[in-house]
Amino acid sequence: MVWIILGIIVLLLILKWRSMSKPKNFAKGVAKAQLKAYQTAQIRHPNASKAELITEAISSRLYASSYYPTEIIKQDAEKHESYRHSMQMLVWLEFTYLTGNTPTSDVLSLMHEQIDSIIPEDL
């Protein structure tokens, strides 16, 4: 009985991993998680500037500093003042970091569509 339950759990984990390995699902998952991170930063720091909120939210991503240093996040946030733009950078850099390959323009476009559908334009 224990082996059956363990087998089902492993199967579910494999299916979840396979669905997240698709660029579309990857971008969607990151965008949803990071939208919550931005909202949390707004609650914790109600008087912070938009660039500070963006920096706080993106920096909170586990291991983000490995591929997107905080100083670069801060510079991008101050220059563009768009969470959507910062999310596009984060997803591109994280995807490249995890797969070892730069996404093609078609894949990048697909990921941007997912980000745009989740992250509001005015954020």
PDB file of N, CA and C in Angstrom:
ATOM      1  N   MET A   1       0.817  -1.189   0.000  1.00  0.00           N
ATOM      2  CA  MET A   1       0.000   0.000   0.000  1.00  0.00           C
ATOM      3  C   MET A   1       0.868   1.263   0.000  1.00  0.00           C
ATOM      4  N   VAL A   2       1.911   1.240   0.817  1.00  0.00           N
ATOM      5  CA  VAL A   2       2.820   2.381   0.890  1.00  0.00           C
ATOM      6  C   VAL A   2       3.491   2.605  -0.460  1.00  0.00           C
ATOM      7  N   TRP A   3       3.861   1.516  -1.138  1.00  0.00           N
ATOM      8  CA  TRP A   3       4.532   1.634  -2.440  1.00  0.00           C
ATOM      9  C   TRP A   3       3.611   2.234  -3.496  1.00  0.00           C
ATOM     10  N   ILE A   4       2.349   1.908  -3.413  1.00  0.00           N
ATOM     11  CA  ILE A   4       1.379   2.462  -4.371  1.00  0.00           C
ATOM     12  C   ILE A   4       1.251   3.968  -4.168  1.00  0.00           C
ATOM     13  N   ILE A   5       1.116   4.387  -2.925  1.00  0.00           N
ATOM     14  CA  ILE A   5       1.005   5.819  -2.615  1.00  0.00           C
ATOM     15  C   ILE A   5       2.285   6.549  -3.031  1.00  0.00           C
ATOM     16  N   LEU A   6       3.430   5.953  -2.717  1.00  0.00           N
ATOM     17  CA  LEU A   6       4.708   6.546  -3.101  1.00  0.00           C
ATOM     18  C   LEU A   6       4.829   6.636  -4.620  1.00  0.00           C
ATOM     19  N   GLY A   7       4.398   5.619  -5.319  1.00  0.00           N
ATOM     20  CA  GLY A   7       4.422   5.615  -6.780  1.00  0.00           C
ATOM     21  C   GLY A   7       3.543   6.701  -7.369  1.00  0.00           C
ATOM     22  N   ILE A   8       2.375   6.892  -6.800  1.00  0.00           N
ATOM     23  CA  ILE A   8       1.469   7.944  -7.267  1.00  0.00           C
ATOM     24  C   ILE A   8       2.084   9.320  -7.043  1.00  0.00           C
ATOM     25  N   ILE A   9       2.687   9.519  -5.893  1.00  0.00           N
ATOM     26  CA  ILE A   9       3.333  10.806  -5.594  1.00  0.00           C
ATOM     27  C   ILE A   9       4.464  11.073  -6.575  1.00  0.00           C
ATOM     28  N   VAL A  10       5.288  10.084  -6.841  1.00  0.00           N
ATOM     29  CA  VAL A  10       6.395  10.245  -7.793  1.00  0.00           C
ATOM     30  C   VAL A  10       5.858  10.548  -9.187  1.00  0.00           C
ATOM     31  N   LEU A  11       4.825   9.863  -9.591  1.00  0.00           N
ATOM     32  CA  LEU A  11       4.214  10.098 -10.901  1.00  0.00           C
ATOM     33  C   LEU A  11       3.694  11.531 -11.010  1.00  0.00           C
ATOM     34  N   LEU A  12       3.020  12.006  -9.967  1.00  0.00           N
ATOM     35  CA  LEU A  12       2.511  13.376  -9.971  1.00  0.00           C
ATOM     36  C   LEU A  12       3.645  14.400 -10.033  1.00  0.00           C
ATOM     37  N   LEU A  13       4.720  14.132  -9.320  1.00  0.00           N
ATOM     38  CA  LEU A  13       5.878  15.031  -9.355  1.00  0.00           C
ATOM     39  C   LEU A  13       6.511  15.063 -10.745  1.00  0.00           C
ATOM     40  N   ILE A  14       6.597  13.920 -11.387  1.00  0.00           N
ATOM     41  CA  ILE A  14       7.155  13.855 -12.743  1.00  0.00           C
ATOM     42  C   ILE A  14       6.273  14.627 -13.713  1.00  0.00           C
ATOM     43  N   LEU A  15       4.972  14.455 -13.617  1.00  0.00           N
ATOM     44  CA  LEU A  15       4.049  15.183 -14.496  1.00  0.00           C
ATOM     45  C   LEU A  15       4.136  16.686 -14.255  1.00  0.00           C
ATOM     46  N   LYS A  16       4.228  17.099 -13.013  1.00  0.00           N
ATOM     47  CA  LYS A  16       4.366  18.526 -12.689  1.00  0.00           C
ATOM     48  C   LYS A  16       5.674  19.068 -13.261  1.00  0.00           C
ATOM     49  N   TRP A  17       6.758  18.337 -13.107  1.00  0.00           N
ATOM     50  CA  TRP A  17       8.061  18.769 -13.622  1.00  0.00           C
ATOM     51  C   TRP A  17       8.022  18.906 -15.137  1.00  0.00           C
ATOM     52  N   ARG A  18       7.398  17.948 -15.818  1.00  0.00           N
ATOM     53  CA  ARG A  18       7.312  18.001 -17.286  1.00  0.00           C
ATOM     54  C   ARG A  18       6.512  19.203 -17.758  1.00  0.00           C
ATOM     55  N   SER A  19       5.427  19.513 -17.054  1.00  0.00           N
ATOM     56  CA  SER A  19       4.616  20.658 -17.482  1.00  0.00           C
ATOM     57  C   SER A  19       5.353  21.968 -17.221  1.00  0.00           C
ATOM     58  N   MET A  20       6.146  22.040 -16.151  1.00  0.00           N
ATOM     59  CA  MET A  20       6.895  23.265 -15.851  1.00  0.00           C
ATOM     60  C   MET A  20       8.120  23.402 -16.749  1.00  0.00           C
ATOM     61  N   SER A  21       8.539  22.323 -17.402  1.00  0.00           N
ATOM     62  CA  SER A  21       9.703  22.417 -18.279  1.00  0.00           C
ATOM     63  C   SER A  21       9.346  23.061 -19.618  1.00  0.00           C
ATOM     64  N   LYS A  22       8.061  23.244 -19.884  1.00  0.00           N
ATOM     65  CA  LYS A  22       7.632  23.935 -21.094  1.00  0.00           C
ATOM     66  C   LYS A  22       7.787  25.436 -20.861  1.00  0.00           C
ATOM     67  N   PRO A  23       8.377  26.164 -21.789  1.00  0.00           N
ATOM     68  CA  PRO A  23       8.618  27.601 -21.591  1.00  0.00           C
ATOM     69  C   PRO A  23       7.360  28.391 -21.230  1.00  0.00           C
ATOM     70  N   LYS A  24       6.239  28.055 -21.853  1.00  0.00           N
ATOM     71  CA  LYS A  24       4.984  28.761 -21.578  1.00  0.00           C
ATOM     72  C   LYS A  24       4.596  28.601 -20.109  1.00  0.00           C
ATOM     73  N   ASN A  25       4.614  27.384 -19.619  1.00  0.00           N
ATOM     74  CA  ASN A  25       4.255  27.111 -18.227  1.00  0.00           C
ATOM     75  C   ASN A  25       5.290  27.662 -17.259  1.00  0.00           C
ATOM     76  N   PHE A  26       6.549  27.604 -17.658  1.00  0.00           N
ATOM     77  CA  PHE A  26       7.624  28.151 -16.830  1.00  0.00           C
ATOM     78  C   PHE A  26       7.392  29.642 -16.602  1.00  0.00           C
ATOM     79  N   ALA A  27       7.174  30.388 -17.682  1.00  0.00           N
ATOM     80  CA  ALA A  27       6.978  31.837 -17.588  1.00  0.00           C
ATOM     81  C   ALA A  27       5.728  32.168 -16.772  1.00  0.00           C
ATOM     82  N   LYS A  28       4.690  31.411 -16.984  1.00  0.00           N
ATOM     83  CA  LYS A  28       3.435  31.630 -16.266  1.00  0.00           C
ATOM     84  C   LYS A  28       3.624  31.415 -14.763  1.00  0.00           C
ATOM     85  N   GLY A  29       4.313  30.347 -14.401  1.00  0.00           N
ATOM     86  CA  GLY A  29       4.556  30.053 -12.989  1.00  0.00           C
ATOM     87  C   GLY A  29       5.410  31.110 -12.314  1.00  0.00           C
ATOM     88  N   VAL A  30       6.456  31.546 -12.999  1.00  0.00           N
ATOM     89  CA  VAL A  30       7.328  32.582 -12.442  1.00  0.00           C
ATOM     90  C   VAL A  30       6.548  33.887 -12.289  1.00  0.00           C
ATOM     91  N   ALA A  31       5.768  34.254 -13.298  1.00  0.00           N
ATOM     92  CA  ALA A  31       5.005  35.508 -13.255  1.00  0.00           C
ATOM     93  C   ALA A  31       4.001  35.511 -12.107  1.00  0.00           C
ATOM     94  N   LYS A  32       3.307  34.399 -11.907  1.00  0.00           N
ATOM     95  CA  LYS A  32       2.334  34.323 -10.810  1.00  0.00           C
ATOM     96  C   LYS A  32       3.024  34.469  -9.453  1.00  0.00           C
ATOM     97  N   ALA A  33       4.121  33.763  -9.286  1.00  0.00           N
ATOM     98  CA  ALA A  33       4.851  33.828  -8.017  1.00  0.00           C
ATOM     99  C   ALA A  33       5.404  35.232  -7.775  1.00  0.00           C
ATOM    100  N   GLN A  34       5.911  35.853  -8.825  1.00  0.00           N
ATOM    101  CA  GLN A  34       6.514  37.171  -8.668  1.00  0.00           C
ATOM    102  C   GLN A  34       5.482  38.279  -8.517  1.00  0.00           C
ATOM    103  N   LEU A  35       4.291  38.079  -9.029  1.00  0.00           N
ATOM    104  CA  LEU A  35       3.221  39.048  -8.781  1.00  0.00           C
ATOM    105  C   LEU A  35       2.904  39.072  -7.290  1.00  0.00           C
ATOM    106  N   LYS A  36       2.850  37.901  -6.684  1.00  0.00           N
ATOM    107  CA  LYS A  36       2.624  37.813  -5.235  1.00  0.00           C
ATOM    108  C   LYS A  36       3.780  38.451  -4.468  1.00  0.00           C
ATOM    109  N   ALA A  37       5.002  38.265  -4.959  1.00  0.00           N
ATOM    110  CA  ALA A  37       6.170  38.865  -4.309  1.00  0.00           C
ATOM    111  C   ALA A  37       6.091  40.391  -4.359  1.00  0.00           C
ATOM    112  N   TYR A  38       5.641  40.929  -5.478  1.00  0.00           N
ATOM    113  CA  TYR A  38       5.499  42.388  -5.609  1.00  0.00           C
ATOM    114  C   TYR A  38       4.420  42.899  -4.660  1.00  0.00           C
ATOM    115  N   GLN A  39       3.305  42.201  -4.600  1.00  0.00           N
ATOM    116  CA  GLN A  39       2.214  42.602  -3.703  1.00  0.00           C
ATOM    117  C   GLN A  39       2.655  42.539  -2.240  1.00  0.00           C
ATOM    118  N   THR A  40       3.460  41.542  -1.906  1.00  0.00           N
ATOM    119  CA  THR A  40       3.998  41.426  -0.552  1.00  0.00           C
ATOM    120  C   THR A  40       4.938  42.589  -0.255  1.00  0.00           C
ATOM    121  N   ALA A  41       5.774  42.956  -1.211  1.00  0.00           N
ATOM    122  CA  ALA A  41       6.688  44.090  -1.036  1.00  0.00           C
ATOM    123  C   ALA A  41       5.905  45.384  -0.830  1.00  0.00           C
ATOM    124  N   GLN A  42       4.781  45.545  -1.535  1.00  0.00           N
ATOM    125  CA  GLN A  42       3.939  46.734  -1.357  1.00  0.00           C
ATOM    126  C   GLN A  42       3.383  46.806   0.066  1.00  0.00           C
ATOM    127  N   ILE A  43       2.997  45.666   0.604  1.00  0.00           N
ATOM    128  CA  ILE A  43       2.448  45.625   1.961  1.00  0.00           C
ATOM    129  C   ILE A  43       3.541  45.916   2.986  1.00  0.00           C
ATOM    130  N   ARG A  44       4.701  45.318   2.811  1.00  0.00           N
ATOM    131  CA  ARG A  44       5.806  45.499   3.761  1.00  0.00           C
ATOM    132  C   ARG A  44       6.400  46.906   3.722  1.00  0.00           C
ATOM    133  N   HIS A  45       6.412  47.506   2.540  1.00  0.00           N
ATOM    134  CA  HIS A  45       7.039  48.821   2.367  1.00  0.00           C
ATOM    135  C   HIS A  45       6.079  49.767   1.646  1.00  0.00           C
ATOM    136  N   PRO A  46       5.040  50.238   2.340  1.00  0.00           N
ATOM    137  CA  PRO A  46       4.017  51.045   1.673  1.00  0.00           C
ATOM    138  C   PRO A  46       4.524  52.386   1.120  1.00  0.00           C
ATOM    139  N   ASN A  47       5.604  52.884   1.636  1.00  0.00           N
ATOM    140  CA  ASN A  47       6.115  54.180   1.189  1.00  0.00           C
ATOM    141  C   ASN A  47       7.294  54.060   0.223  1.00  0.00           C
ATOM    142  N   ALA A  48       7.598  52.869  -0.195  1.00  0.00           N
ATOM    143  CA  ALA A  48       8.745  52.637  -1.084  1.00  0.00           C
ATOM    144  C   ALA A  48       8.434  53.112  -2.497  1.00  0.00           C
ATOM    145  N   SER A  49       9.481  53.494  -3.201  1.00  0.00           N
ATOM    146  CA  SER A  49       9.315  53.881  -4.606  1.00  0.00           C
ATOM    147  C   SER A  49       9.065  52.627  -5.448  1.00  0.00           C
ATOM    148  N   LYS A  50       8.624  52.851  -6.674  1.00  0.00           N
ATOM    149  CA  LYS A  50       8.355  51.737  -7.568  1.00  0.00           C
ATOM    150  C   LYS A  50       9.633  50.936  -7.830  1.00  0.00           C
ATOM    151  N   ALA A  51      10.748  51.619  -8.027  1.00  0.00           N
ATOM    152  CA  ALA A  51      12.029  50.934  -8.271  1.00  0.00           C
ATOM    153  C   ALA A  51      12.437  50.093  -7.067  1.00  0.00           C
ATOM    154  N   GLU A  52      12.183  50.599  -5.868  1.00  0.00           N
ATOM    155  CA  GLU A  52      12.519  49.844  -4.656  1.00  0.00           C
ATOM    156  C   GLU A  52      11.632  48.603  -4.526  1.00  0.00           C
ATOM    157  N   LEU A  53      10.353  48.740  -4.867  1.00  0.00           N
ATOM    158  CA  LEU A  53       9.439  47.591  -4.812  1.00  0.00           C
ATOM    159  C   LEU A  53       9.842  46.526  -5.830  1.00  0.00           C
ATOM    160  N   ILE A  54      10.196  46.967  -7.024  1.00  0.00           N
ATOM    161  CA  ILE A  54      10.630  46.028  -8.068  1.00  0.00           C
ATOM    162  C   ILE A  54      11.883  45.292  -7.618  1.00  0.00           C
ATOM    163  N   THR A  55      12.841  46.045  -7.102  1.00  0.00           N
ATOM    164  CA  THR A  55      14.097  45.445  -6.638  1.00  0.00           C
ATOM    165  C   THR A  55      13.839  44.446  -5.519  1.00  0.00           C
ATOM    166  N   GLU A  56      12.993  44.824  -4.569  1.00  0.00           N
ATOM    167  CA  GLU A  56      12.661  43.938  -3.446  1.00  0.00           C
ATOM    168  C   GLU A  56      11.999  42.650  -3.933  1.00  0.00           C
ATOM    169  N   ALA A  57      11.032  42.778  -4.832  1.00  0.00           N
ATOM    170  CA  ALA A  57      10.279  41.608  -5.305  1.00  0.00           C
ATOM    171  C   ALA A  57      11.159  40.664  -6.117  1.00  0.00           C
ATOM    172  N   ILE A  58      11.911  41.199  -7.053  1.00  0.00           N
ATOM    173  CA  ILE A  58      12.766  40.356  -7.903  1.00  0.00           C
ATOM    174  C   ILE A  58      13.880  39.722  -7.071  1.00  0.00           C
ATOM    175  N   SER A  59      14.448  40.482  -6.162  1.00  0.00           N
ATOM    176  CA  SER A  59      15.543  39.959  -5.322  1.00  0.00           C
ATOM    177  C   SER A  59      15.088  38.853  -4.391  1.00  0.00           C
ATOM    178  N   SER A  60      13.790  38.819  -4.100  1.00  0.00           N
ATOM    179  CA  SER A  60      13.280  37.792  -3.187  1.00  0.00           C
ATOM    180  C   SER A  60      13.223  36.408  -3.841  1.00  0.00           C
ATOM    181  N   ARG A  61      13.359  36.362  -5.156  1.00  0.00           N
ATOM    182  CA  ARG A  61      13.326  35.074  -5.868  1.00  0.00           C
ATOM    183  C   ARG A  61      14.555  34.259  -5.476  1.00  0.00           C
ATOM    184  N   LEU A  62      14.339  33.004  -5.131  1.00  0.00           N
ATOM    185  CA  LEU A  62      15.406  32.113  -4.708  1.00  0.00           C
ATOM    186  C   LEU A  62      16.473  31.997  -5.788  1.00  0.00           C
ATOM    187  N   TYR A  63      17.703  32.236  -5.442  1.00  0.00           N
ATOM    188  CA  TYR A  63      18.880  32.144  -6.312  1.00  0.00           C
ATOM    189  C   TYR A  63      18.911  33.181  -7.436  1.00  0.00           C
ATOM    190  N   ALA A  64      18.040  34.182  -7.400  1.00  0.00           N
ATOM    191  CA  ALA A  64      18.037  35.196  -8.461  1.00  0.00           C
ATOM    192  C   ALA A  64      19.371  35.924  -8.534  1.00  0.00           C
ATOM    193  N   SER A  65      20.023  36.083  -7.406  1.00  0.00           N
ATOM    194  CA  SER A  65      21.302  36.799  -7.402  1.00  0.00           C
ATOM    195  C   SER A  65      22.379  36.042  -8.181  1.00  0.00           C
ATOM    196  N   SER A  66      22.161  34.765  -8.447  1.00  0.00           N
ATOM    197  CA  SER A  66      23.116  33.973  -9.231  1.00  0.00           C
ATOM    198  C   SER A  66      23.152  34.405 -10.690  1.00  0.00           C
ATOM    199  N   TYR A  67      22.044  34.876 -11.194  1.00  0.00           N
ATOM    200  CA  TYR A  67      21.967  35.234 -12.612  1.00  0.00           C
ATOM    201  C   TYR A  67      21.435  36.651 -12.852  1.00  0.00           C
ATOM    202  N   TYR A  68      20.958  37.313 -11.816  1.00  0.00           N
ATOM    203  CA  TYR A  68      20.427  38.675 -11.952  1.00  0.00           C
ATOM    204  C   TYR A  68      20.793  39.434 -10.678  1.00  0.00           C
ATOM    205  N   PRO A  69      22.023  39.964 -10.616  1.00  0.00           N
ATOM    206  CA  PRO A  69      22.498  40.630  -9.404  1.00  0.00           C
ATOM    207  C   PRO A  69      21.606  41.809  -8.985  1.00  0.00           C
ATOM    208  N   THR A  70      21.507  42.017  -7.701  1.00  0.00           N
ATOM    209  CA  THR A  70      20.636  43.050  -7.151  1.00  0.00           C
ATOM    210  C   THR A  70      20.935  44.430  -7.724  1.00  0.00           C
ATOM    211  N   GLU A  71      22.188  44.742  -7.933  1.00  0.00           N
ATOM    212  CA  GLU A  71      22.537  46.062  -8.490  1.00  0.00           C
ATOM    213  C   GLU A  71      21.996  46.230  -9.911  1.00  0.00           C
ATOM    214  N   ILE A  72      22.027  45.171 -10.696  1.00  0.00           N
ATOM    215  CA  ILE A  72      21.495  45.227 -12.060  1.00  0.00           C
ATOM    216  C   ILE A  72      19.970  45.340 -12.022  1.00  0.00           C
ATOM    217  N   ILE A  73      19.347  44.610 -11.108  1.00  0.00           N
ATOM    218  CA  ILE A  73      17.892  44.709 -10.940  1.00  0.00           C
ATOM    219  C   ILE A  73      17.527  46.151 -10.618  1.00  0.00           C
ATOM    220  N   LYS A  74      18.263  46.735  -9.683  1.00  0.00           N
ATOM    221  CA  LYS A  74      17.997  48.112  -9.256  1.00  0.00           C
ATOM    222  C   LYS A  74      18.170  49.085 -10.430  1.00  0.00           C
ATOM    223  N   GLN A  75      19.232  48.928 -11.198  1.00  0.00           N
ATOM    224  CA  GLN A  75      19.468  49.801 -12.357  1.00  0.00           C
ATOM    225  C   GLN A  75      18.347  49.663 -13.384  1.00  0.00           C
ATOM    226  N   ASP A  76      17.953  48.432 -13.684  1.00  0.00           N
ATOM    227  CA  ASP A  76      16.859  48.196 -14.634  1.00  0.00           C
ATOM    228  C   ASP A  76      15.554  48.807 -14.129  1.00  0.00           C
ATOM    229  N   ALA A  77      15.288  48.640 -12.835  1.00  0.00           N
ATOM    230  CA  ALA A  77      14.054  49.159 -12.249  1.00  0.00           C
ATOM    231  C   ALA A  77      14.016  50.682 -12.307  1.00  0.00           C
ATOM    232  N   GLU A  78      15.148  51.314 -12.028  1.00  0.00           N
ATOM    233  CA  GLU A  78      15.204  52.779 -12.073  1.00  0.00           C
ATOM    234  C   GLU A  78      15.109  53.301 -13.501  1.00  0.00           C
ATOM    235  N   LYS A  79      15.677  52.572 -14.440  1.00  0.00           N
ATOM    236  CA  LYS A  79      15.678  53.011 -15.833  1.00  0.00           C
ATOM    237  C   LYS A  79      14.303  52.847 -16.481  1.00  0.00           C
ATOM    238  N   HIS A  80      13.673  51.693 -16.281  1.00  0.00           N
ATOM    239  CA  HIS A  80      12.426  51.383 -16.981  1.00  0.00           C
ATOM    240  C   HIS A  80      11.170  51.626 -16.142  1.00  0.00           C
ATOM    241  N   GLU A  81      11.302  51.541 -14.817  1.00  0.00           N
ATOM    242  CA  GLU A  81      10.176  51.677 -13.892  1.00  0.00           C
ATOM    243  C   GLU A  81       8.969  50.851 -14.328  1.00  0.00           C
ATOM    244  N   SER A  82       9.242  49.623 -14.723  1.00  0.00           N
ATOM    245  CA  SER A  82       8.182  48.714 -15.169  1.00  0.00           C
ATOM    246  C   SER A  82       8.455  47.326 -14.607  1.00  0.00           C
ATOM    247  N   TYR A  83       7.514  46.844 -13.799  1.00  0.00           N
ATOM    248  CA  TYR A  83       7.679  45.503 -13.243  1.00  0.00           C
ATOM    249  C   TYR A  83       7.581  44.461 -14.347  1.00  0.00           C
ATOM    250  N   ARG A  84       6.760  44.744 -15.331  1.00  0.00           N
ATOM    251  CA  ARG A  84       6.619  43.821 -16.456  1.00  0.00           C
ATOM    252  C   ARG A  84       7.957  43.656 -17.172  1.00  0.00           C
ATOM    253  N   HIS A  85       8.653  44.746 -17.412  1.00  0.00           N
ATOM    254  CA  HIS A  85       9.969  44.672 -18.073  1.00  0.00           C
ATOM    255  C   HIS A  85      10.950  43.875 -17.212  1.00  0.00           C
ATOM    256  N   SER A  86      10.956  44.152 -15.920  1.00  0.00           N
ATOM    257  CA  SER A  86      11.858  43.428 -15.017  1.00  0.00           C
ATOM    258  C   SER A  86      11.525  41.946 -14.985  1.00  0.00           C
ATOM    259  N   MET A  87      10.239  41.614 -15.062  1.00  0.00           N
ATOM    260  CA  MET A  87       9.828  40.205 -15.096  1.00  0.00           C
ATOM    261  C   MET A  87      10.301  39.535 -16.378  1.00  0.00           C
ATOM    262  N   GLN A  88      10.223  40.242 -17.483  1.00  0.00           N
ATOM    263  CA  GLN A  88      10.702  39.679 -18.750  1.00  0.00           C
ATOM    264  C   GLN A  88      12.198  39.385 -18.670  1.00  0.00           C
ATOM    265  N   MET A  89      12.939  40.291 -18.057  1.00  0.00           N
ATOM    266  CA  MET A  89      14.375  40.073 -17.871  1.00  0.00           C
ATOM    267  C   MET A  89      14.615  38.869 -16.952  1.00  0.00           C
ATOM    268  N   LEU A  90      13.876  38.812 -15.850  1.00  0.00           N
ATOM    269  CA  LEU A  90      14.040  37.718 -14.894  1.00  0.00           C
ATOM    270  C   LEU A  90      13.759  36.366 -15.548  1.00  0.00           C
ATOM    271  N   VAL A  91      12.658  36.266 -16.267  1.00  0.00           N
ATOM    272  CA  VAL A  91      12.290  34.992 -16.894  1.00  0.00           C
ATOM    273  C   VAL A  91      13.326  34.594 -17.942  1.00  0.00           C
ATOM    274  N   TRP A  92      13.753  35.546 -18.746  1.00  0.00           N
ATOM    275  CA  TRP A  92      14.772  35.257 -19.768  1.00  0.00           C
ATOM    276  C   TRP A  92      16.069  34.770 -19.110  1.00  0.00           C
ATOM    277  N   LEU A  93      16.532  35.493 -18.087  1.00  0.00           N
ATOM    278  CA  LEU A  93      17.788  35.121 -17.423  1.00  0.00           C
ATOM    279  C   LEU A  93      17.666  33.789 -16.679  1.00  0.00           C
ATOM    280  N   GLU A  94      16.548  33.581 -16.001  1.00  0.00           N
ATOM    281  CA  GLU A  94      16.371  32.327 -15.254  1.00  0.00           C
ATOM    282  C   GLU A  94      16.251  31.136 -16.196  1.00  0.00           C
ATOM    283  N   PHE A  95      15.516  31.302 -17.286  1.00  0.00           N
ATOM    284  CA  PHE A  95      15.385  30.226 -18.265  1.00  0.00           C
ATOM    285  C   PHE A  95      16.758  29.876 -18.842  1.00  0.00           C
ATOM    286  N   THR A  96      17.528  30.887 -19.185  1.00  0.00           N
ATOM    287  CA  THR A  96      18.873  30.668 -19.720  1.00  0.00           C
ATOM    288  C   THR A  96      19.759  29.982 -18.687  1.00  0.00           C
ATOM    289  N   TYR A  97      19.659  30.425 -17.442  1.00  0.00           N
ATOM    290  CA  TYR A  97      20.455  29.858 -16.352  1.00  0.00           C
ATOM    291  C   TYR A  97      20.108  28.389 -16.124  1.00  0.00           C
ATOM    292  N   LEU A  98      18.821  28.072 -16.115  1.00  0.00           N
ATOM    293  CA  LEU A  98      18.388  26.703 -15.819  1.00  0.00           C
ATOM    294  C   LEU A  98      18.614  25.731 -16.970  1.00  0.00           C
ATOM    295  N   THR A  99      18.418  26.183 -18.194  1.00  0.00           N
ATOM    296  CA  THR A  99      18.540  25.291 -19.344  1.00  0.00           C
ATOM    297  C   THR A  99      19.917  25.316 -19.977  1.00  0.00           C
ATOM    298  N   GLY A 100      20.657  26.397 -19.760  1.00  0.00           N
ATOM    299  CA  GLY A 100      21.964  26.535 -20.390  1.00  0.00           C
ATOM    300  C   GLY A 100      21.872  27.016 -21.828  1.00  0.00           C
ATOM    301  N   ASN A 101      20.660  27.319 -22.288  1.00  0.00           N
ATOM    302  CA  ASN A 101      20.442  27.783 -23.662  1.00  0.00           C
ATOM    303  C   ASN A 101      19.656  29.083 -23.657  1.00  0.00           C
ATOM    304  N   THR A 102      20.017  29.974 -24.550  1.00  0.00           N
ATOM    305  CA  THR A 102      19.252  31.201 -24.720  1.00  0.00           C
ATOM    306  C   THR A 102      17.980  30.855 -25.495  1.00  0.00           C
ATOM    307  N   PRO A 103      16.820  31.328 -25.030  1.00  0.00           N
ATOM    308  CA  PRO A 103      15.583  30.999 -25.740  1.00  0.00           C
ATOM    309  C   PRO A 103      15.540  31.644 -27.124  1.00  0.00           C
ATOM    310  N   THR A 104      14.935  30.958 -28.056  1.00  0.00           N
ATOM    311  CA  THR A 104      14.771  31.506 -29.402  1.00  0.00           C
ATOM    312  C   THR A 104      13.770  32.660 -29.335  1.00  0.00           C
ATOM    313  N   SER A 105      13.690  33.418 -30.408  1.00  0.00           N
ATOM    314  CA  SER A 105      12.762  34.557 -30.421  1.00  0.00           C
ATOM    315  C   SER A 105      11.308  34.086 -30.299  1.00  0.00           C
ATOM    316  N   ASP A 106      10.986  32.937 -30.875  1.00  0.00           N
ATOM    317  CA  ASP A 106       9.624  32.399 -30.759  1.00  0.00           C
ATOM    318  C   ASP A 106       9.307  32.020 -29.314  1.00  0.00           C
ATOM    319  N   VAL A 107      10.240  31.366 -28.667  1.00  0.00           N
ATOM    320  CA  VAL A 107      10.056  30.962 -27.269  1.00  0.00           C
ATOM    321  C   VAL A 107       9.978  32.201 -26.386  1.00  0.00           C
ATOM    322  N   LEU A 108      10.837  33.158 -26.640  1.00  0.00           N
ATOM    323  CA  LEU A 108      10.850  34.396 -25.862  1.00  0.00           C
ATOM    324  C   LEU A 108       9.521  35.138 -26.027  1.00  0.00           C
ATOM    325  N   SER A 109       9.004  35.170 -27.237  1.00  0.00           N
ATOM    326  CA  SER A 109       7.722  35.818 -27.495  1.00  0.00           C
ATOM    327  C   SER A 109       6.594  35.117 -26.742  1.00  0.00           C
ATOM    328  N   LEU A 110       6.619  33.806 -26.730  1.00  0.00           N
ATOM    329  CA  LEU A 110       5.622  33.019 -26.006  1.00  0.00           C
ATOM    330  C   LEU A 110       5.697  33.300 -24.500  1.00  0.00           C
ATOM    331  N   MET A 111       6.907  33.383 -23.972  1.00  0.00           N
ATOM    332  CA  MET A 111       7.075  33.665 -22.545  1.00  0.00           C
ATOM    333  C   MET A 111       6.599  35.087 -22.224  1.00  0.00           C
ATOM    334  N   HIS A 112       6.894  36.049 -23.097  1.00  0.00           N
ATOM    335  CA  HIS A 112       6.444  37.424 -22.876  1.00  0.00           C
ATOM    336  C   HIS A 112       4.920  37.512 -22.872  1.00  0.00           C
ATOM    337  N   GLU A 113       4.273  36.753 -23.728  1.00  0.00           N
ATOM    338  CA  GLU A 113       2.806  36.735 -23.748  1.00  0.00           C
ATOM    339  C   GLU A 113       2.251  36.278 -22.403  1.00  0.00           C
ATOM    340  N   GLN A 114       2.863  35.259 -21.828  1.00  0.00           N
ATOM    341  CA  GLN A 114       2.410  34.755 -20.532  1.00  0.00           C
ATOM    342  C   GLN A 114       2.623  35.789 -19.438  1.00  0.00           C
ATOM    343  N   ILE A 115       3.766  36.428 -19.463  1.00  0.00           N
ATOM    344  CA  ILE A 115       4.063  37.465 -18.468  1.00  0.00           C
ATOM    345  C   ILE A 115       3.061  38.610 -18.609  1.00  0.00           C
ATOM    346  N   ASP A 116       2.837  39.042 -19.847  1.00  0.00           N
ATOM    347  CA  ASP A 116       1.921  40.158 -20.098  1.00  0.00           C
ATOM    348  C   ASP A 116       0.495  39.838 -19.666  1.00  0.00           C
ATOM    349  N   SER A 117       0.109  38.567 -19.720  1.00  0.00           N
ATOM    350  CA  SER A 117      -1.243  38.189 -19.323  1.00  0.00           C
ATOM    351  C   SER A 117      -1.423  38.177 -17.804  1.00  0.00           C
ATOM    352  N   ILE A 118      -0.322  38.154 -17.060  1.00  0.00           N
ATOM    353  CA  ILE A 118      -0.399  38.061 -15.595  1.00  0.00           C
ATOM    354  C   ILE A 118       0.013  39.360 -14.909  1.00  0.00           C
ATOM    355  N   ILE A 119       1.077  39.984 -15.384  1.00  0.00           N
ATOM    356  CA  ILE A 119       1.585  41.206 -14.754  1.00  0.00           C
ATOM    357  C   ILE A 119       0.889  42.413 -15.385  1.00  0.00           C
ATOM    358  N   PRO A 120       0.178  43.217 -14.582  1.00  0.00           N
ATOM    359  CA  PRO A 120      -0.493  44.395 -15.135  1.00  0.00           C
ATOM    360  C   PRO A 120       0.497  45.376 -15.765  1.00  0.00           C
ATOM    361  N   GLU A 121       0.060  46.047 -16.809  1.00  0.00           N
ATOM    362  CA  GLU A 121       0.926  46.970 -17.541  1.00  0.00           C
ATOM    363  C   GLU A 121       1.406  48.131 -16.677  1.00  0.00           C
ATOM    364  N   ASP A 122       0.564  48.596 -15.783  1.00  0.00           N
ATOM    365  CA  ASP A 122       0.912  49.769 -14.974  1.00  0.00           C
ATOM    366  C   ASP A 122       1.723  49.440 -13.722  1.00  0.00           C
ATOM    367  N   LEU A 123       2.081  48.217 -13.552  1.00  0.00           N
ATOM    368  CA  LEU A 123       2.829  47.804 -12.370  1.00  0.00           C
ATOM    369  C   LEU A 123       4.304  48.054 -12.568  1.00  0.00           C
TER     370      LEU A 123
END
